[in-house]
Amino acid sequence: FPFSPRKNTSASVMQPKVPHSVITDRVAALQKLSMLKKEDYALKQFNKILDVVIEERQGAYMCGTASNYMKIRVPGQNLHRGTLVFIRPAGFEGTALKGFVIT
């Protein structure tokens, strides 16, 4: 997130000030880099089996968090909240892996 100086601090009077347009461009570049790195990391999970704690249902998916902190969704499974399952990732969409339960 962009830096915001607080009133009556040294930072609030420092010069020169970075233009707002430069701040906005830098934030956008860092957000893009962050997403690319997250996607790259997610793709490296594809041939692994992840242990996942199921947390909630979202429509037709059960969602949880893997031990590597990645969010993962599995379609149409009848799983209960708090259940530990083993999942093989097979896709990445948005900010979450998609996969299927290994039985």
N, C-alpha and C. Protein backbone atom coordinates (compact mmCIF):
# COMPACT_ATOMS: atom_id res chain seq x y z
N PHE A 1 0.84 -1.17 0.00
CA PHE A 1 0.00 0.00 0.00
C PHE A 1 0.88 1.22 0.00
N PRO A 2 0.37 2.32 -0.50
CA PRO A 2 1.17 3.54 -0.59
C PRO A 2 1.43 4.15 0.79
N PHE A 3 2.60 4.74 0.94
CA PHE A 3 2.98 5.42 2.17
C PHE A 3 2.13 6.67 2.35
N SER A 4 1.69 6.90 3.56
CA SER A 4 0.95 8.12 3.91
C SER A 4 1.60 8.74 5.14
N PRO A 5 2.22 9.92 4.97
CA PRO A 5 2.87 10.54 6.13
C PRO A 5 1.83 11.01 7.16
N ARG A 6 2.19 10.89 8.43
CA ARG A 6 1.31 11.38 9.50
C ARG A 6 1.65 12.83 9.82
N LYS A 7 0.65 13.57 10.21
CA LYS A 7 0.85 14.97 10.57
C LYS A 7 1.87 15.08 11.71
N ASN A 8 2.62 16.17 11.67
CA ASN A 8 3.57 16.49 12.72
C ASN A 8 4.67 15.44 12.89
N THR A 9 5.06 14.80 11.79
CA THR A 9 6.19 13.87 11.82
C THR A 9 7.24 14.37 10.83
N SER A 10 8.44 13.85 10.93
CA SER A 10 9.51 14.25 9.99
C SER A 10 9.11 13.93 8.56
N ALA A 11 8.46 12.81 8.36
CA ALA A 11 8.08 12.40 7.00
C ALA A 11 7.07 13.35 6.37
N SER A 12 6.27 14.01 7.18
CA SER A 12 5.24 14.90 6.62
C SER A 12 5.83 16.17 6.01
N VAL A 13 7.07 16.49 6.35
CA VAL A 13 7.68 17.71 5.81
C VAL A 13 8.86 17.41 4.88
N MET A 14 9.15 16.14 4.64
CA MET A 14 10.28 15.79 3.76
C MET A 14 10.01 16.24 2.33
N GLN A 15 11.07 16.65 1.68
CA GLN A 15 10.99 17.09 0.29
C GLN A 15 12.06 16.34 -0.50
N PRO A 16 11.94 16.11 -1.77
CA PRO A 16 10.76 16.40 -2.57
C PRO A 16 9.68 15.34 -2.37
N LYS A 17 8.45 15.71 -2.59
CA LYS A 17 7.32 14.78 -2.49
C LYS A 17 7.24 13.96 -3.78
N VAL A 18 6.95 12.69 -3.63
CA VAL A 18 6.75 11.83 -4.80
C VAL A 18 5.36 12.13 -5.36
N PRO A 19 5.27 12.41 -6.66
CA PRO A 19 3.95 12.71 -7.25
C PRO A 19 2.97 11.54 -7.09
N HIS A 20 1.71 11.88 -6.91
CA HIS A 20 0.67 10.86 -6.72
C HIS A 20 0.63 9.87 -7.89
N SER A 21 0.82 10.37 -9.11
CA SER A 21 0.79 9.49 -10.29
C SER A 21 1.91 8.45 -10.22
N VAL A 22 3.08 8.83 -9.71
CA VAL A 22 4.20 7.90 -9.57
C VAL A 22 3.87 6.85 -8.51
N ILE A 23 3.29 7.30 -7.40
CA ILE A 23 2.89 6.37 -6.34
C ILE A 23 1.89 5.36 -6.88
N THR A 24 0.90 5.83 -7.62
CA THR A 24 -0.13 4.96 -8.20
C THR A 24 0.49 3.95 -9.16
N ASP A 25 1.40 4.40 -10.00
CA ASP A 25 2.07 3.49 -10.95
C ASP A 25 2.89 2.43 -10.22
N ARG A 26 3.58 2.85 -9.17
CA ARG A 26 4.41 1.90 -8.40
C ARG A 26 3.54 0.85 -7.71
N VAL A 27 2.42 1.28 -7.14
CA VAL A 27 1.50 0.34 -6.49
C VAL A 27 0.98 -0.68 -7.51
N ALA A 28 0.58 -0.19 -8.69
CA ALA A 28 0.06 -1.09 -9.73
C ALA A 28 1.13 -2.09 -10.17
N ALA A 29 2.37 -1.63 -10.32
CA ALA A 29 3.46 -2.52 -10.73
C ALA A 29 3.73 -3.59 -9.68
N LEU A 30 3.71 -3.19 -8.41
CA LEU A 30 3.95 -4.16 -7.33
C LEU A 30 2.81 -5.15 -7.20
N GLN A 31 1.57 -4.70 -7.40
CA GLN A 31 0.43 -5.61 -7.34
C GLN A 31 0.51 -6.64 -8.47
N LYS A 32 0.90 -6.19 -9.66
CA LYS A 32 1.04 -7.10 -10.79
C LYS A 32 2.15 -8.12 -10.52
N LEU A 33 3.29 -7.66 -10.02
CA LEU A 33 4.39 -8.56 -9.69
C LEU A 33 3.97 -9.57 -8.64
N SER A 34 3.25 -9.11 -7.62
CA SER A 34 2.77 -10.00 -6.57
C SER A 34 1.88 -11.10 -7.14
N MET A 35 0.97 -10.73 -8.03
CA MET A 35 0.07 -11.72 -8.62
C MET A 35 0.83 -12.71 -9.49
N LEU A 36 1.81 -12.23 -10.27
CA LEU A 36 2.61 -13.13 -11.11
C LEU A 36 3.40 -14.12 -10.26
N LYS A 37 3.96 -13.65 -9.16
CA LYS A 37 4.73 -14.54 -8.28
C LYS A 37 3.82 -15.55 -7.59
N LYS A 38 2.62 -15.13 -7.20
CA LYS A 38 1.67 -16.05 -6.59
C LYS A 38 1.24 -17.13 -7.59
N GLU A 39 0.98 -16.72 -8.82
CA GLU A 39 0.59 -17.68 -9.86
C GLU A 39 1.74 -18.65 -10.14
N ASP A 40 2.97 -18.15 -10.20
CA ASP A 40 4.13 -19.01 -10.43
C ASP A 40 4.26 -20.04 -9.31
N TYR A 41 4.10 -19.60 -8.07
CA TYR A 41 4.16 -20.51 -6.93
C TYR A 41 3.04 -21.55 -7.00
N ALA A 42 1.84 -21.10 -7.36
CA ALA A 42 0.70 -22.01 -7.45
C ALA A 42 0.95 -23.09 -8.51
N LEU A 43 1.50 -22.71 -9.64
CA LEU A 43 1.77 -23.68 -10.71
C LEU A 43 2.78 -24.74 -10.26
N LYS A 44 3.67 -24.41 -9.36
CA LYS A 44 4.65 -25.37 -8.84
C LYS A 44 4.03 -26.40 -7.91
N GLN A 45 2.76 -26.20 -7.53
CA GLN A 45 2.08 -27.13 -6.63
C GLN A 45 1.36 -28.26 -7.38
N PHE A 46 1.30 -28.17 -8.70
CA PHE A 46 0.46 -29.06 -9.48
C PHE A 46 0.77 -30.54 -9.34
N ASN A 47 1.98 -30.96 -9.23
CA ASN A 47 2.27 -32.40 -9.12
C ASN A 47 2.52 -32.83 -7.69
N LYS A 48 1.96 -32.10 -6.77
CA LYS A 48 2.11 -32.41 -5.35
C LYS A 48 0.76 -32.83 -4.78
N ILE A 49 0.80 -33.42 -3.61
CA ILE A 49 -0.42 -33.69 -2.85
C ILE A 49 -0.35 -32.79 -1.62
N LEU A 50 -1.35 -31.95 -1.45
CA LEU A 50 -1.37 -30.99 -0.35
C LEU A 50 -2.35 -31.42 0.73
N ASP A 51 -1.96 -31.22 1.98
CA ASP A 51 -2.91 -31.46 3.07
C ASP A 51 -3.66 -30.15 3.31
N VAL A 52 -4.97 -30.26 3.33
CA VAL A 52 -5.85 -29.09 3.36
C VAL A 52 -6.89 -29.25 4.45
N VAL A 53 -7.12 -28.20 5.20
CA VAL A 53 -8.21 -28.17 6.17
C VAL A 53 -9.38 -27.46 5.50
N ILE A 54 -10.50 -28.16 5.43
CA ILE A 54 -11.70 -27.59 4.82
C ILE A 54 -12.29 -26.55 5.76
N GLU A 55 -12.62 -25.38 5.19
CA GLU A 55 -13.12 -24.27 6.00
C GLU A 55 -14.56 -23.87 5.71
N GLU A 56 -14.97 -23.96 4.44
CA GLU A 56 -16.32 -23.49 4.11
C GLU A 56 -16.78 -24.00 2.75
N ARG A 57 -18.07 -23.86 2.53
CA ARG A 57 -18.65 -24.15 1.22
C ARG A 57 -18.88 -22.82 0.51
N GLN A 58 -18.50 -22.77 -0.76
CA GLN A 58 -18.77 -21.61 -1.60
C GLN A 58 -19.43 -22.12 -2.87
N GLY A 59 -20.74 -22.07 -2.89
CA GLY A 59 -21.48 -22.58 -4.04
C GLY A 59 -21.26 -24.07 -4.20
N ALA A 60 -20.77 -24.47 -5.37
CA ALA A 60 -20.55 -25.89 -5.66
C ALA A 60 -19.18 -26.37 -5.17
N TYR A 61 -18.43 -25.52 -4.50
CA TYR A 61 -17.08 -25.87 -4.06
C TYR A 61 -16.95 -25.91 -2.54
N MET A 62 -16.06 -26.77 -2.08
CA MET A 62 -15.60 -26.75 -0.70
C MET A 62 -14.25 -26.07 -0.75
N CYS A 63 -14.00 -25.17 0.21
CA CYS A 63 -12.78 -24.38 0.20
C CYS A 63 -12.01 -24.58 1.49
N GLY A 64 -10.68 -24.52 1.35
CA GLY A 64 -9.85 -24.66 2.53
C GLY A 64 -8.48 -24.06 2.31
N THR A 65 -7.63 -24.23 3.32
CA THR A 65 -6.27 -23.72 3.27
C THR A 65 -5.30 -24.88 3.43
N ALA A 66 -4.31 -24.92 2.53
CA ALA A 66 -3.29 -25.97 2.58
C ALA A 66 -2.22 -25.60 3.61
N SER A 67 -1.39 -26.56 3.94
CA SER A 67 -0.33 -26.32 4.92
C SER A 67 0.69 -25.29 4.43
N ASN A 68 0.72 -25.02 3.11
CA ASN A 68 1.60 -23.99 2.57
C ASN A 68 0.87 -22.64 2.45
N TYR A 69 -0.30 -22.56 3.07
CA TYR A 69 -1.13 -21.34 3.15
C TYR A 69 -1.84 -20.99 1.84
N MET A 70 -1.77 -21.84 0.83
CA MET A 70 -2.52 -21.58 -0.40
C MET A 70 -3.99 -21.91 -0.17
N LYS A 71 -4.86 -21.08 -0.71
CA LYS A 71 -6.30 -21.37 -0.69
C LYS A 71 -6.57 -22.34 -1.82
N ILE A 72 -7.46 -23.30 -1.57
CA ILE A 72 -7.75 -24.31 -2.58
C ILE A 72 -9.24 -24.66 -2.55
N ARG A 73 -9.80 -24.89 -3.75
CA ARG A 73 -11.21 -25.25 -3.88
C ARG A 73 -11.33 -26.61 -4.54
N VAL A 74 -12.30 -27.39 -4.05
CA VAL A 74 -12.58 -28.69 -4.67
C VAL A 74 -14.07 -28.74 -4.99
N PRO A 75 -14.42 -29.20 -6.20
CA PRO A 75 -15.82 -29.19 -6.61
C PRO A 75 -16.63 -30.32 -6.00
N GLY A 76 -17.87 -30.00 -5.66
CA GLY A 76 -18.89 -30.98 -5.33
C GLY A 76 -18.59 -32.01 -4.29
N GLN A 77 -17.67 -31.79 -3.43
CA GLN A 77 -17.37 -32.78 -2.40
C GLN A 77 -18.26 -32.55 -1.18
N ASN A 78 -18.64 -33.63 -0.55
CA ASN A 78 -19.44 -33.55 0.66
C ASN A 78 -18.51 -33.64 1.87
N LEU A 79 -17.77 -32.56 2.10
CA LEU A 79 -16.78 -32.53 3.17
C LEU A 79 -17.27 -31.61 4.28
N HIS A 80 -16.82 -31.88 5.48
CA HIS A 80 -17.25 -31.08 6.62
C HIS A 80 -16.16 -30.10 7.03
N ARG A 81 -16.60 -28.99 7.56
CA ARG A 81 -15.69 -27.96 8.06
C ARG A 81 -14.75 -28.59 9.11
N GLY A 82 -13.46 -28.27 8.99
CA GLY A 82 -12.48 -28.79 9.94
C GLY A 82 -11.86 -30.11 9.53
N THR A 83 -12.35 -30.72 8.46
CA THR A 83 -11.82 -32.00 7.99
C THR A 83 -10.47 -31.79 7.31
N LEU A 84 -9.51 -32.66 7.61
CA LEU A 84 -8.22 -32.65 6.93
C LEU A 84 -8.31 -33.62 5.76
N VAL A 85 -8.03 -33.12 4.56
CA VAL A 85 -8.08 -33.96 3.36
C VAL A 85 -6.80 -33.76 2.56
N PHE A 86 -6.54 -34.68 1.66
CA PHE A 86 -5.37 -34.58 0.78
C PHE A 86 -5.88 -34.28 -0.62
N ILE A 87 -5.32 -33.24 -1.20
CA ILE A 87 -5.82 -32.73 -2.48
C ILE A 87 -4.68 -32.59 -3.47
N ARG A 88 -4.96 -32.98 -4.71
CA ARG A 88 -4.00 -32.79 -5.80
C ARG A 88 -4.47 -31.57 -6.61
N PRO A 89 -3.68 -30.48 -6.60
CA PRO A 89 -4.04 -29.31 -7.39
C PRO A 89 -4.02 -29.61 -8.88
N ALA A 90 -4.97 -29.04 -9.61
CA ALA A 90 -5.05 -29.28 -11.05
C ALA A 90 -5.32 -28.00 -11.82
N GLY A 91 -5.45 -26.89 -11.13
CA GLY A 91 -5.72 -25.63 -11.80
C GLY A 91 -5.52 -24.46 -10.85
N PHE A 92 -5.53 -23.28 -11.42
CA PHE A 92 -5.38 -22.06 -10.64
C PHE A 92 -6.30 -21.02 -11.25
N GLU A 93 -7.14 -20.43 -10.40
CA GLU A 93 -8.11 -19.45 -10.89
C GLU A 93 -8.22 -18.31 -9.89
N GLY A 94 -7.99 -17.11 -10.36
CA GLY A 94 -8.06 -15.96 -9.45
C GLY A 94 -6.92 -16.00 -8.46
N THR A 95 -7.26 -16.26 -7.21
CA THR A 95 -6.22 -16.33 -6.18
C THR A 95 -6.18 -17.70 -5.50
N ALA A 96 -6.89 -18.68 -6.06
CA ALA A 96 -6.98 -19.99 -5.41
C ALA A 96 -6.64 -21.13 -6.36
N LEU A 97 -6.05 -22.17 -5.78
CA LEU A 97 -5.85 -23.40 -6.53
C LEU A 97 -7.19 -24.13 -6.65
N LYS A 98 -7.33 -24.93 -7.68
CA LYS A 98 -8.47 -25.83 -7.81
C LYS A 98 -7.89 -27.23 -7.88
N GLY A 99 -8.57 -28.18 -7.28
CA GLY A 99 -8.05 -29.54 -7.30
C GLY A 99 -9.10 -30.57 -6.99
N PHE A 100 -8.64 -31.79 -6.71
CA PHE A 100 -9.57 -32.86 -6.38
C PHE A 100 -9.00 -33.67 -5.21
N VAL A 101 -9.91 -34.26 -4.44
CA VAL A 101 -9.55 -35.01 -3.26
C VAL A 101 -8.93 -36.34 -3.66
N ILE A 102 -7.82 -36.69 -2.98
CA ILE A 102 -7.17 -37.98 -3.16
C ILE A 102 -7.75 -38.92 -2.10
N THR A 103 -8.29 -40.04 -2.54
CA THR A 103 -8.88 -40.99 -1.58
C THR A 103 -8.01 -42.20 -1.40
